[in-house]
C-alpha atoms as a PDB file:
ATOM      1  CA  MET A   1      90.135  66.245  51.235  1.00  0.00           C
ATOM      2  CA  LYS A   2      92.069  68.606  53.583  1.00  0.00           C
ATOM      3  CA  PRO A   3      91.189  68.714  57.138  1.00  0.00           C
ATOM      4  CA  GLU A   4      90.332  71.958  57.179  1.00  0.00           C
ATOM      5  CA  CYS A   5      87.463  70.997  54.427  1.00  0.00           C
ATOM      6  CA  ARG A   6      86.033  68.362  56.265  1.00  0.00           C
ATOM      7  CA  PRO A   7      82.416  69.707  57.480  1.00  0.00           C
ATOM      8  CA  SER A   8      83.061  67.808  60.877  1.00  0.00           C
ATOM      9  CA  HIS A   9      86.172  69.888  61.366  1.00  0.00           C
ATOM     10  CA  PHE A  10      85.156  73.144  61.039  1.00  0.00           C
ATOM     11  CA  LEU A  11      81.818  72.511  62.898  1.00  0.00           C
ATOM     12  CA  LEU A  12      83.864  70.858  65.899  1.00  0.00           C
ATOM     13  CA  SER A  13      87.132  72.960  65.601  1.00  0.00           C
ATOM     14  CA  ARG A  14      85.353  76.320  66.743  1.00  0.00           C
ATOM     15  CA  PRO A  15      83.788  77.425  70.196  1.00  0.00           C
ATOM     16  CA  HIS A  16      80.316  77.519  68.568  1.00  0.00           C
ATOM     17  CA  LEU A  17      77.897  76.151  70.924  1.00  0.00           C
ATOM     18  CA  HIS A  18      80.050  75.347  73.787  1.00  0.00           C
ATOM     19  CA  GLN A  19      79.418  78.963  74.703  1.00  0.00           C
ATOM     20  CA  SER A  20      75.816  79.972  75.782  1.00  0.00           C
ATOM     21  CA  PRO A  21      73.642  79.942  72.672  1.00  0.00           C
ATOM     22  CA  ALA A  22      71.791  82.971  74.339  1.00  0.00           C
ATOM     23  CA  ALA A  23      73.705  85.448  72.486  1.00  0.00           C
ATOM     24  CA  HIS A  24      74.903  86.085  68.925  1.00  0.00           C
ATOM     25  CA  LEU A  25      78.894  84.811  68.537  1.00  0.00           C
ATOM     26  CA  PRO A  26      79.499  86.672  65.130  1.00  0.00           C
ATOM     27  CA  SER A  27      83.180  85.261  65.126  1.00  0.00           C
ATOM     28  CA  SER A  28      81.377  81.555  64.925  1.00  0.00           C
ATOM     29  CA  ASN A  29      78.974  82.782  62.528  1.00  0.00           C
ATOM     30  CA  TYR A  30      76.327  81.992  65.203  1.00  0.00           C
ATOM     31  CA  SER A  31      73.132  83.584  65.217  1.00  0.00           C
ATOM     32  CA  ALA A  32      70.806  83.172  68.673  1.00  0.00           C
ATOM     33  CA  ILE A  33      68.045  84.668  66.468  1.00  0.00           C
ATOM     34  CA  GLN A  34      66.534  83.058  63.508  1.00  0.00           C
ATOM     35  CA  LEU A  35      67.647  84.280  60.291  1.00  0.00           C
ATOM     36  CA  VAL A  36      65.511  85.056  57.170  1.00  0.00           C
ATOM     37  CA  THR A  37      65.074  82.808  54.466  1.00  0.00           C
ATOM     38  CA  ASN A  38      64.374  83.126  50.738  1.00  0.00           C
ATOM     39  CA  ALA A  39      61.598  80.926  49.423  1.00  0.00           C
ATOM     40  CA  ARG A  40      63.989  77.863  49.331  1.00  0.00           C
ATOM     41  CA  GLY A  41      64.801  78.077  53.293  1.00  0.00           C
ATOM     42  CA  ILE A  42      68.401  79.465  52.496  1.00  0.00           C
ATOM     43  CA  PRO A  43      68.942  82.083  54.814  1.00  0.00           C
ATOM     44  CA  GLU A  44      69.620  85.594  53.260  1.00  0.00           C
ATOM     45  CA  VAL A  45      72.889  85.719  54.536  1.00  0.00           C
ATOM     46  CA  LEU A  46      74.341  83.309  52.595  1.00  0.00           C
ATOM     47  CA  LEU A  47      73.127  84.464  49.610  1.00  0.00           C
ATOM     48  CA  LYS A  48      75.170  87.394  48.834  1.00  0.00           C
ATOM     49  CA  LYS A  49      78.787  86.531  47.452  1.00  0.00           C
ATOM     50  CA  ASN A  50      81.116  88.487  48.930  1.00  0.00           C
ATOM     51  CA  THR A  51      79.926  91.029  51.853  1.00  0.00           C
ATOM     52  CA  LEU A  52      77.973  88.402  54.053  1.00  0.00           C
ATOM     53  CA  THR A  53      75.411  90.463  56.144  1.00  0.00           C
ATOM     54  CA  GLY A  54      71.401  89.533  56.417  1.00  0.00           C
ATOM     55  CA  PRO A  55      68.247  89.924  58.552  1.00  0.00           C
ATOM     56  CA  ASP A  56      67.070  88.084  61.433  1.00  0.00           C
ATOM     57  CA  VAL A  57      63.399  87.296  61.891  1.00  0.00           C
ATOM     58  CA  ALA A  58      63.443  90.298  65.071  1.00  0.00           C
ATOM     59  CA  GLY A  59      64.256  92.828  62.582  1.00  0.00           C
ATOM     60  CA  GLY A  60      68.377  92.883  63.381  1.00  0.00           C
ATOM     61  CA  THR A  61      71.185  92.478  61.042  1.00  0.00           C
ATOM     62  CA  PHE A  62      73.588  89.555  61.279  1.00  0.00           C
ATOM     63  CA  VAL A  63      77.010  89.844  60.058  1.00  0.00           C
ATOM     64  CA  PRO A  64      78.883  86.565  60.660  1.00  0.00           C
ATOM     65  CA  ALA A  65      82.756  87.404  60.899  1.00  0.00           C
ATOM     66  CA  GLY A  66      84.075  83.737  61.603  1.00  0.00           C
ATOM     67  CA  GLY A  67      85.488  84.142  57.303  1.00  0.00           C
ATOM     68  CA  ALA A  68      85.436  81.686  54.950  1.00  0.00           C
ATOM     69  CA  ILE A  69      87.069  78.246  54.883  1.00  0.00           C
ATOM     70  CA  THR A  70      89.222  77.752  51.844  1.00  0.00           C
ATOM     71  CA  GLY A  71      89.912  74.374  50.267  1.00  0.00           C
ATOM     72  CA  THR A  72      91.757  72.798  47.148  1.00  0.00           C
ATOM     73  CA  GLY A  73      90.407  73.164  43.800  1.00  0.00           C
ATOM     74  CA  ASN A  74      88.782  76.545  44.380  1.00  0.00           C
ATOM     75  CA  VAL A  75      86.566  75.220  46.760  1.00  0.00           C
ATOM     76  CA  THR A  76      85.261  77.884  49.680  1.00  0.00           C
ATOM     77  CA  LEU A  77      82.654  77.195  52.211  1.00  0.00           C
ATOM     78  CA  GLN A  78      80.632  79.599  54.204  1.00  0.00           C
ATOM     79  CA  TYR A  79      78.307  78.800  56.643  1.00  0.00           C
ATOM     80  CA  VAL A  80      76.262  80.123  59.342  1.00  0.00           C
ATOM     81  CA  ILE A  81      74.700  78.275  62.797  1.00  0.00           C
ATOM     82  CA  ASP A  82      70.962  80.001  63.732  1.00  0.00           C
ATOM     83  CA  ARG A  83      69.146  79.042  66.386  1.00  0.00           C
ATOM     84  CA  MET A  84      65.253  79.158  65.737  1.00  0.00           C
ATOM     85  CA  CYS A  85      64.393  81.680  68.078  1.00  0.00           C
ATOM     86  CA  ASN A  86      62.891  84.797  67.576  1.00  0.00           C
ATOM     87  CA  ALA A  87      64.548  86.638  70.610  1.00  0.00           C
ATOM     88  CA  THR A  88      68.004  86.072  72.524  1.00  0.00           C
ATOM     89  CA  GLY A  89      68.094  85.006  75.919  1.00  0.00           C
ATOM     90  CA  THR A  90      68.395  81.502  77.372  1.00  0.00           C
ATOM     91  CA  PHE A  91      65.702  78.968  76.413  1.00  0.00           C
ATOM     92  CA  ALA A  92      64.679  78.751  80.075  1.00  0.00           C
ATOM     93  CA  VAL A  93      63.806  82.641  80.081  1.00  0.00           C
ATOM     94  CA  ILE A  94      62.507  82.878  76.544  1.00  0.00           C
ATOM     95  CA  GLY A  95      60.495  79.520  76.554  1.00  0.00           C
ATOM     96  CA  SER A  96      59.159  77.270  73.795  1.00  0.00           C
ATOM     97  CA  ALA A  97      56.496  80.614  72.504  1.00  0.00           C
ATOM     98  CA  ALA A  98      59.698  81.953  71.188  1.00  0.00           C
ATOM     99  CA  CYS A  99      61.552  78.973  69.809  1.00  0.00           C
ATOM    100  CA  VAL A 100      60.645  76.349  67.211  1.00  0.00           C
ATOM    101  CA  SER A 101      61.367  73.182  69.305  1.00  0.00           C
ATOM    102  CA  ASP A 102      61.901  69.262  68.745  1.00  0.00           C
ATOM    103  CA  LEU A 103      58.105  68.049  69.190  1.00  0.00           C
ATOM    104  CA  SER A 104      59.300  64.825  68.225  1.00  0.00           C
ATOM    105  CA  MET A 105      60.582  64.883  72.220  1.00  0.00           C
ATOM    106  CA  GLN A 106      57.013  64.990  73.467  1.00  0.00           C
ATOM    107  CA  PRO A 107      54.645  62.331  74.615  1.00  0.00           C
ATOM    108  CA  THR A 108      52.703  61.059  71.700  1.00  0.00           C
ATOM    109  CA  GLY A 109      49.806  58.859  73.074  1.00  0.00           C
ATOM    110  CA  GLY A 110      48.129  57.031  76.287  1.00  0.00           C
ATOM    111  CA  ASP A 111      47.317  58.943  79.186  1.00  0.00           C
ATOM    112  CA  ALA A 112      48.239  61.440  82.175  1.00  0.00           C
ATOM    113  CA  SER A 113      48.145  58.464  85.088  1.00  0.00           C
ATOM    114  CA  HIS A 114      52.183  58.514  84.904  1.00  0.00           C
ATOM    115  CA  LEU A 115      52.075  62.142  85.723  1.00  0.00           C
ATOM    116  CA  VAL A 116      52.208  62.597  89.683  1.00  0.00           C
ATOM    117  CA  GLU A 117      51.328  65.859  91.397  1.00  0.00           C
ATOM    118  CA  GLY A 118      54.011  68.504  91.453  1.00  0.00           C
ATOM    119  CA  SER A 119      56.174  66.702  88.410  1.00  0.00           C
ATOM    120  CA  VAL A 120      57.909  69.112  86.347  1.00  0.00           C
ATOM    121  CA  SER A 121      57.332  69.097  82.285  1.00  0.00           C
ATOM    122  CA  LEU A 122      60.608  70.088  80.759  1.00  0.00           C
ATOM    123  CA  PRO A 123      60.097  71.675  77.664  1.00  0.00           C
ATOM    124  CA  SER A 124      61.712  70.355  74.341  1.00  0.00           C
ATOM    125  CA  PRO A 125      65.161  72.316  73.497  1.00  0.00           C
ATOM    126  CA  PRO A 126      65.279  74.640  70.840  1.00  0.00           C
ATOM    127  CA  ILE A 127      66.247  73.639  67.281  1.00  0.00           C
ATOM    128  CA  TYR A 128      69.320  75.193  65.525  1.00  0.00           C
ATOM    129  CA  ARG A 129      70.034  75.061  61.852  1.00  0.00           C
ATOM    130  CA  VAL A 130      73.333  74.781  60.163  1.00  0.00           C
ATOM    131  CA  THR A 131      73.595  75.966  56.562  1.00  0.00           C
ATOM    132  CA  VAL A 132      76.555  75.681  54.203  1.00  0.00           C
ATOM    133  CA  ARG A 133      77.441  77.571  51.077  1.00  0.00           C
ATOM    134  CA  VAL A 134      80.045  75.609  48.882  1.00  0.00           C
ATOM    135  CA  ASP A 135      81.553  77.747  45.995  1.00  0.00           C
ATOM    136  CA  GLY A 136      83.347  75.389  43.688  1.00  0.00           C
ATOM    137  CA  PRO A 137      85.015  76.074  40.292  1.00  0.00           C
ATOM    138  CA  ARG A 138      83.463  77.556  37.571  1.00  0.00           C
ATOM    139  CA  ASP A 139      80.898  79.318  39.640  1.00  0.00           C
ATOM    140  CA  THR A 140      79.295  76.187  40.846  1.00  0.00           C
ATOM    141  CA  GLN A 141      77.389  76.676  44.310  1.00  0.00           C
ATOM    142  CA  VAL A 142      75.752  74.011  46.453  1.00  0.00           C
ATOM    143  CA  PHE A 143      74.061  74.783  49.808  1.00  0.00           C
ATOM    144  CA  LEU A 144      73.573  72.070  52.641  1.00  0.00           C
ATOM    145  CA  GLN A 145      71.581  72.173  55.553  1.00  0.00           C
ATOM    146  CA  ALA A 146      71.143  70.288  58.775  1.00  0.00           C
ATOM    147  CA  SER A 147      69.078  70.607  62.039  1.00  0.00           C
ATOM    148  CA  PHE A 148      69.792  69.295  65.263  1.00  0.00           C
ATOM    149  CA  THR A 149      68.792  70.133  69.130  1.00  0.00           C
ATOM    150  CA  LYS A 150      71.032  70.955  71.920  1.00  0.00           C
ATOM    151  CA  PRO A 151      69.896  71.284  75.601  1.00  0.00           C
ATOM    152  CA  GLU A 152      71.039  74.424  77.048  1.00  0.00           C
END
């Protein structure tokens, strides 16, 4: 597999989330607002074969500009990364009410005796979703998806 076809290469070699995740970064196919999906959870922006454009949950239109990644054997990859929030802005400003966050980071039991007066409870970071469409020979198509968290 050519280096530019490895998922780790295209996710790590672009400026994606090294910059502020509070704003869209179309050149890296990053949307700071959750993208609208079909019934199977695939962002609508990746359902179009040629012109990638699709709605986000805030009513805007997202147009990724990062381009396709091509490999050998007529394999082409298109991807988008979306932050699971309904608004742009830093997570500290828009808060957990505007974002899907990682609930596994919340305490799950016990009592509040370990809390001291004036302690600060840190909110869970928002969840990001990476969706990849792989177009192959004879019009084969595969969608891959993963989610992760990243403190802002």
